[in-house]
PDB file of N, CA and C in Angstrom:
ATOM      1  N   UNK A   1       0.846  -1.174   0.000  1.00  0.00           N
ATOM      2  CA  UNK A   1       0.000   0.000   0.000  1.00  0.00           C
ATOM      3  C   UNK A   1       0.890   1.235   0.000  1.00  0.00           C
ATOM      4  N   UNK A   2       0.508   2.182  -0.785  1.00  0.00           N
ATOM      5  CA  UNK A   2       1.279   3.421  -0.840  1.00  0.00           C
ATOM      6  C   UNK A   2       1.077   4.222   0.433  1.00  0.00           C
ATOM      7  N   UNK A   3       2.058   5.030   0.752  1.00  0.00           N
ATOM      8  CA  UNK A   3       2.004   5.816   1.991  1.00  0.00           C
ATOM      9  C   UNK A   3       0.853   6.805   1.964  1.00  0.00           C
ATOM     10  N   UNK A   4       0.551   7.350   0.804  1.00  0.00           N
ATOM     11  CA  UNK A   4      -0.533   8.324   0.708  1.00  0.00           C
ATOM     12  C   UNK A   4      -1.870   7.692   1.085  1.00  0.00           C
ATOM     13  N   UNK A   5      -2.091   6.486   0.574  1.00  0.00           N
ATOM     14  CA  UNK A   5      -3.345   5.801   0.866  1.00  0.00           C
ATOM     15  C   UNK A   5      -3.421   5.423   2.340  1.00  0.00           C
ATOM     16  N   UNK A   6      -2.299   5.016   2.923  1.00  0.00           N
ATOM     17  CA  UNK A   6      -2.287   4.660   4.340  1.00  0.00           C
ATOM     18  C   UNK A   6      -2.597   5.870   5.212  1.00  0.00           C
ATOM     19  N   UNK A   7      -2.028   7.012   4.889  1.00  0.00           N
ATOM     20  CA  UNK A   7      -2.286   8.230   5.662  1.00  0.00           C
ATOM     21  C   UNK A   7      -3.744   8.649   5.500  1.00  0.00           C
ATOM     22  N   UNK A   8      -4.254   8.576   4.282  1.00  0.00           N
ATOM     23  CA  UNK A   8      -5.644   8.949   4.038  1.00  0.00           C
ATOM     24  C   UNK A   8      -6.601   8.029   4.796  1.00  0.00           C
ATOM     25  N   UNK A   9      -6.356   6.717   4.749  1.00  0.00           N
ATOM     26  CA  UNK A   9      -7.214   5.783   5.459  1.00  0.00           C
ATOM     27  C   UNK A   9      -7.129   5.964   6.966  1.00  0.00           C
ATOM     28  N   UNK A  10      -5.946   6.283   7.476  1.00  0.00           N
ATOM     29  CA  UNK A  10      -5.807   6.549   8.907  1.00  0.00           C
ATOM     30  C   UNK A  10      -6.631   7.772   9.295  1.00  0.00           C
ATOM     31  N   UNK A  11      -6.631   8.792   8.459  1.00  0.00           N
ATOM     32  CA  UNK A  11      -7.436   9.981   8.721  1.00  0.00           C
ATOM     33  C   UNK A  11      -8.926   9.687   8.712  1.00  0.00           C
ATOM     34  N   UNK A  12      -9.368   8.865   7.773  1.00  0.00           N
ATOM     35  CA  UNK A  12     -10.783   8.502   7.708  1.00  0.00           C
ATOM     36  C   UNK A  12     -11.175   7.691   8.943  1.00  0.00           C
ATOM     37  N   UNK A  13     -10.295   6.783   9.381  1.00  0.00           N
ATOM     38  CA  UNK A  13     -10.579   6.008  10.589  1.00  0.00           C
ATOM     39  C   UNK A  13     -10.615   6.902  11.820  1.00  0.00           C
ATOM     40  N   UNK A  14      -9.726   7.873  11.882  1.00  0.00           N
ATOM     41  CA  UNK A  14      -9.753   8.814  13.007  1.00  0.00           C
ATOM     42  C   UNK A  14     -11.041   9.623  13.002  1.00  0.00           C
ATOM     43  N   UNK A  15     -11.466  10.053  11.842  1.00  0.00           N
ATOM     44  CA  UNK A  15     -12.709  10.814  11.729  1.00  0.00           C
ATOM     45  C   UNK A  15     -13.899   9.978  12.192  1.00  0.00           C
ATOM     46  N   UNK A  16     -13.942   8.719  11.766  1.00  0.00           N
ATOM     47  CA  UNK A  16     -15.039   7.842  12.169  1.00  0.00           C
ATOM     48  C   UNK A  16     -15.019   7.582  13.679  1.00  0.00           C
ATOM     49  N   UNK A  17     -13.825   7.382  14.234  1.00  0.00           N
ATOM     50  CA  UNK A  17     -13.724   7.160  15.679  1.00  0.00           C
ATOM     51  C   UNK A  17     -14.132   8.408  16.458  1.00  0.00           C
ATOM     52  N   UNK A  18     -13.752   9.568  15.961  1.00  0.00           N
ATOM     53  CA  UNK A  18     -14.144  10.807  16.615  1.00  0.00           C
ATOM     54  C   UNK A  18     -15.637  11.038  16.572  1.00  0.00           C
ATOM     55  N   UNK A  19     -16.245  10.753  15.431  1.00  0.00           N
ATOM     56  CA  UNK A  19     -17.702  10.893  15.322  1.00  0.00           C
ATOM     57  C   UNK A  19     -18.420   9.920  16.249  1.00  0.00           C
ATOM     58  N   UNK A  20     -17.903   8.696  16.329  1.00  0.00           N
ATOM     59  CA  UNK A  20     -18.517   7.712  17.221  1.00  0.00           C
ATOM     60  C   UNK A  20     -18.397   8.145  18.672  1.00  0.00           C
ATOM     61  N   UNK A  21     -17.228   8.656  19.059  1.00  0.00           N
ATOM     62  CA  UNK A  21     -17.045   9.100  20.443  1.00  0.00           C
ATOM     63  C   UNK A  21     -17.901  10.328  20.744  1.00  0.00           C
ATOM     64  N   UNK A  22     -18.051  11.200  19.784  1.00  0.00           N
ATOM     65  CA  UNK A  22     -18.829  12.419  20.005  1.00  0.00           C
ATOM     66  C   UNK A  22     -20.316  12.116  20.128  1.00  0.00           C
ATOM     67  N   UNK A  23     -20.842  11.313  19.208  1.00  0.00           N
ATOM     68  CA  UNK A  23     -22.279  11.098  19.177  1.00  0.00           C
ATOM     69  C   UNK A  23     -22.751   9.973  20.090  1.00  0.00           C
ATOM     70  N   UNK A  24     -21.846   9.130  20.574  1.00  0.00           N
ATOM     71  CA  UNK A  24     -22.269   8.075  21.496  1.00  0.00           C
ATOM     72  C   UNK A  24     -22.524   8.631  22.893  1.00  0.00           C
ATOM     73  N   UNK A  25     -21.931   9.772  23.209  1.00  0.00           N
ATOM     74  CA  UNK A  25     -22.136  10.412  24.504  1.00  0.00           C
ATOM     75  C   UNK A  25     -23.268  11.414  24.355  1.00  0.00           C
ATOM     76  N   UNK A  26     -24.262  11.291  25.197  1.00  0.00           N
ATOM     77  CA  UNK A  26     -25.398  12.193  25.117  1.00  0.00           C
ATOM     78  C   UNK A  26     -25.081  13.561  25.705  1.00  0.00           C
ATOM     79  N   UNK A  27     -26.061  14.420  25.671  1.00  0.00           N
ATOM     80  CA  UNK A  27     -25.931  15.765  26.234  1.00  0.00           C
ATOM     81  C   UNK A  27     -26.138  15.686  27.740  1.00  0.00           C
ATOM     82  N   UNK A  28     -25.115  15.305  28.466  1.00  0.00           N
ATOM     83  CA  UNK A  28     -25.199  15.192  29.922  1.00  0.00           C
ATOM     84  C   UNK A  28     -24.194  16.155  30.541  1.00  0.00           C
ATOM     85  N   UNK A  29     -24.603  17.389  30.828  1.00  0.00           N
ATOM     86  CA  UNK A  29     -23.646  18.384  31.321  1.00  0.00           C
ATOM     87  C   UNK A  29     -23.175  18.136  32.746  1.00  0.00           C
ATOM     88  N   UNK A  30     -23.807  17.226  33.494  1.00  0.00           N
ATOM     89  CA  UNK A  30     -23.438  17.022  34.888  1.00  0.00           C
ATOM     90  C   UNK A  30     -22.252  16.100  35.094  1.00  0.00           C
ATOM     91  N   UNK A  31     -21.928  15.279  34.123  1.00  0.00           N
ATOM     92  CA  UNK A  31     -20.854  14.293  34.296  1.00  0.00           C
ATOM     93  C   UNK A  31     -19.594  14.757  33.569  1.00  0.00           C
ATOM     94  N   UNK A  32     -18.533  15.113  34.316  1.00  0.00           N
ATOM     95  CA  UNK A  32     -17.324  15.608  33.652  1.00  0.00           C
ATOM     96  C   UNK A  32     -16.580  14.541  32.853  1.00  0.00           C
ATOM     97  N   UNK A  33     -16.711  13.270  33.233  1.00  0.00           N
ATOM     98  CA  UNK A  33     -16.027  12.213  32.477  1.00  0.00           C
ATOM     99  C   UNK A  33     -16.640  12.070  31.085  1.00  0.00           C
ATOM    100  N   UNK A  34     -17.961  12.139  31.011  1.00  0.00           N
ATOM    101  CA  UNK A  34     -18.612  12.051  29.701  1.00  0.00           C
ATOM    102  C   UNK A  34     -18.323  13.284  28.855  1.00  0.00           C
ATOM    103  N   UNK A  35     -18.239  14.427  29.508  1.00  0.00           N
ATOM    104  CA  UNK A  35     -17.908  15.652  28.775  1.00  0.00           C
ATOM    105  C   UNK A  35     -16.486  15.575  28.224  1.00  0.00           C
ATOM    106  N   UNK A  36     -15.573  14.972  28.995  1.00  0.00           N
ATOM    107  CA  UNK A  36     -14.197  14.784  28.520  1.00  0.00           C
ATOM    108  C   UNK A  36     -14.162  13.841  27.317  1.00  0.00           C
ATOM    109  N   UNK A  37     -14.954  12.767  27.358  1.00  0.00           N
ATOM    110  CA  UNK A  37     -15.014  11.842  26.222  1.00  0.00           C
ATOM    111  C   UNK A  37     -15.578  12.532  24.992  1.00  0.00           C
ATOM    112  N   UNK A  38     -16.562  13.382  25.178  1.00  0.00           N
ATOM    113  CA  UNK A  38     -17.150  14.117  24.046  1.00  0.00           C
ATOM    114  C   UNK A  38     -16.133  15.099  23.464  1.00  0.00           C
ATOM    115  N   UNK A  39     -15.397  15.791  24.326  1.00  0.00           N
ATOM    116  CA  UNK A  39     -14.365  16.714  23.847  1.00  0.00           C
ATOM    117  C   UNK A  39     -13.234  15.972  23.144  1.00  0.00           C
ATOM    118  N   UNK A  40     -12.870  14.805  23.655  1.00  0.00           N
ATOM    119  CA  UNK A  40     -11.835  14.000  22.997  1.00  0.00           C
ATOM    120  C   UNK A  40     -12.311  13.538  21.624  1.00  0.00           C
ATOM    121  N   UNK A  41     -13.592  13.193  21.513  1.00  0.00           N
ATOM    122  CA  UNK A  41     -14.140  12.813  20.211  1.00  0.00           C
ATOM    123  C   UNK A  41     -14.088  13.961  19.218  1.00  0.00           C
ATOM    124  N   UNK A  42     -14.351  15.162  19.702  1.00  0.00           N
ATOM    125  CA  UNK A  42     -14.255  16.337  18.838  1.00  0.00           C
ATOM    126  C   UNK A  42     -12.827  16.531  18.348  1.00  0.00           C
ATOM    127  N   UNK A  43     -11.872  16.410  19.261  1.00  0.00           N
ATOM    128  CA  UNK A  43     -10.471  16.601  18.900  1.00  0.00           C
ATOM    129  C   UNK A  43     -10.003  15.545  17.912  1.00  0.00           C
ATOM    130  N   UNK A  44     -10.341  14.286  18.168  1.00  0.00           N
ATOM    131  CA  UNK A  44      -9.909  13.204  17.281  1.00  0.00           C
ATOM    132  C   UNK A  44     -10.560  13.346  15.913  1.00  0.00           C
ATOM    133  N   UNK A  45     -11.815  13.752  15.859  1.00  0.00           N
ATOM    134  CA  UNK A  45     -12.490  13.935  14.579  1.00  0.00           C
ATOM    135  C   UNK A  45     -11.882  15.053  13.751  1.00  0.00           C
ATOM    136  N   UNK A  46     -11.586  16.173  14.397  1.00  0.00           N
ATOM    137  CA  UNK A  46     -10.972  17.288  13.668  1.00  0.00           C
ATOM    138  C   UNK A  46      -9.551  16.938  13.246  1.00  0.00           C
ATOM    139  N   UNK A  47      -8.825  16.234  14.108  1.00  0.00           N
ATOM    140  CA  UNK A  47      -7.481  15.792  13.725  1.00  0.00           C
ATOM    141  C   UNK A  47      -7.551  14.800  12.564  1.00  0.00           C
ATOM    142  N   UNK A  48      -8.569  13.961  12.542  1.00  0.00           N
ATOM    143  CA  UNK A  48      -8.750  13.012  11.442  1.00  0.00           C
ATOM    144  C   UNK A  48      -8.997  13.709  10.117  1.00  0.00           C
ATOM    145  N   UNK A  49      -9.738  14.800  10.149  1.00  0.00           N
ATOM    146  CA  UNK A  49      -9.947  15.589   8.929  1.00  0.00           C
ATOM    147  C   UNK A  49      -8.600  16.108   8.422  1.00  0.00           C
ATOM    148  N   UNK A  50      -7.775  16.603   9.333  1.00  0.00           N
ATOM    149  CA  UNK A  50      -6.458  17.117   8.948  1.00  0.00           C
ATOM    150  C   UNK A  50      -5.562  16.030   8.390  1.00  0.00           C
ATOM    151  N   UNK A  51      -5.576  14.853   8.999  1.00  0.00           N
ATOM    152  CA  UNK A  51      -4.743  13.747   8.523  1.00  0.00           C
ATOM    153  C   UNK A  51      -5.209  13.275   7.153  1.00  0.00           C
ATOM    154  N   UNK A  52      -6.524  13.190   6.959  1.00  0.00           N
ATOM    155  CA  UNK A  52      -7.039  12.784   5.649  1.00  0.00           C
ATOM    156  C   UNK A  52      -6.681  13.811   4.579  1.00  0.00           C
ATOM    157  N   UNK A  53      -6.761  15.081   4.927  1.00  0.00           N
ATOM    158  CA  UNK A  53      -6.368  16.125   3.982  1.00  0.00           C
ATOM    159  C   UNK A  53      -4.881  16.035   3.665  1.00  0.00           C
ATOM    160  N   UNK A  54      -4.070  15.745   4.673  1.00  0.00           N
ATOM    161  CA  UNK A  54      -2.633  15.585   4.433  1.00  0.00           C
ATOM    162  C   UNK A  54      -2.362  14.407   3.501  1.00  0.00           C
ATOM    163  N   UNK A  55      -3.092  13.314   3.666  1.00  0.00           N
ATOM    164  CA  UNK A  55      -2.923  12.166   2.773  1.00  0.00           C
ATOM    165  C   UNK A  55      -3.324  12.492   1.347  1.00  0.00           C
ATOM    166  N   UNK A  56      -4.408  13.244   1.184  1.00  0.00           N
ATOM    167  CA  UNK A  56      -4.836  13.630  -0.161  1.00  0.00           C
ATOM    168  C   UNK A  56      -3.822  14.570  -0.812  1.00  0.00           C
ATOM    169  N   UNK A  57      -3.308  15.524  -0.038  1.00  0.00           N
ATOM    170  CA  UNK A  57      -2.304  16.436  -0.592  1.00  0.00           C
ATOM    171  C   UNK A  57      -1.005  15.715  -0.897  1.00  0.00           C
ATOM    172  N   UNK A  58      -0.646  14.752  -0.056  1.00  0.00           N
ATOM    173  CA  UNK A  58       0.561  13.967  -0.317  1.00  0.00           C
ATOM    174  C   UNK A  58       0.421  13.178  -1.610  1.00  0.00           C
ATOM    175  N   UNK A  59      -0.768  12.664  -1.865  1.00  0.00           N
ATOM    176  CA  UNK A  59      -1.019  11.967  -3.119  1.00  0.00           C
ATOM    177  C   UNK A  59      -0.889  12.909  -4.308  1.00  0.00           C
ATOM    178  N   UNK A  60      -1.455  14.101  -4.189  1.00  0.00           N
ATOM    179  CA  UNK A  60      -1.402  15.051  -5.303  1.00  0.00           C
ATOM    180  C   UNK A  60       0.011  15.545  -5.569  1.00  0.00           C
ATOM    181  N   UNK A  61       0.797  15.728  -4.517  1.00  0.00           N
ATOM    182  CA  UNK A  61       2.163  16.222  -4.687  1.00  0.00           C
ATOM    183  C   UNK A  61       3.076  15.141  -5.261  1.00  0.00           C
ATOM    184  N   UNK A  62       2.845  13.891  -4.881  1.00  0.00           N
ATOM    185  CA  UNK A  62       3.766  12.828  -5.294  1.00  0.00           C
ATOM    186  C   UNK A  62       3.477  12.281  -6.701  1.00  0.00           C
ATOM    187  N   UNK A  63       2.398  12.734  -7.307  1.00  0.00           N
ATOM    188  CA  UNK A  63       2.141  12.286  -8.675  1.00  0.00           C
ATOM    189  C   UNK A  63       3.192  12.859  -9.606  1.00  0.00           C
ATOM    190  N   UNK A  64       3.465  12.140 -10.661  1.00  0.00           N
ATOM    191  CA  UNK A  64       4.414  12.632 -11.650  1.00  0.00           C
ATOM    192  C   UNK A  64       3.785  13.717 -12.502  1.00  0.00           C
ATOM    193  N   UNK A  65       4.622  14.437 -13.224  1.00  0.00           N
ATOM    194  CA  UNK A  65       4.069  15.475 -14.115  1.00  0.00           C
ATOM    195  C   UNK A  65       3.268  14.821 -15.243  1.00  0.00           C
ATOM    196  N   UNK A  66       2.305  15.523 -15.793  1.00  0.00           N
ATOM    197  CA  UNK A  66       1.519  14.950 -16.887  1.00  0.00           C
ATOM    198  C   UNK A  66       2.394  14.750 -18.114  1.00  0.00           C
ATOM    199  N   UNK A  67       2.105  13.720 -18.892  1.00  0.00           N
ATOM    200  CA  UNK A  67       2.917  13.473 -20.085  1.00  0.00           C
ATOM    201  C   UNK A  67       2.738  14.579 -21.118  1.00  0.00           C
ATOM    202  N   UNK A  68       3.819  14.899 -21.776  1.00  0.00           N
ATOM    203  CA  UNK A  68       3.764  15.920 -22.824  1.00  0.00           C
ATOM    204  C   UNK A  68       3.516  15.240 -24.155  1.00  0.00           C
ATOM    205  N   UNK A  69       2.798  15.897 -24.963  1.00  0.00           N
ATOM    206  CA  UNK A  69       2.632  15.281 -26.271  1.00  0.00           C
ATOM    207  C   UNK A  69       1.570  15.844 -27.044  1.00  0.00           C
TER     208      UNK A  69
END
């Protein structure tokens, strides 16, 4: 597997894990542990977007120049 695809897939998995952590915790403002899990899900999801974007940009940069002709 190419490194670009691995980075992109890791970002997508991080995004999915962040969404699962965010939405699995309900709106319970009284429990600080659940609020911490929800905040961690937000952080992991946003970081996953960044990692997936980095993988896509790495793919675009590492492509060869278009053939001339």
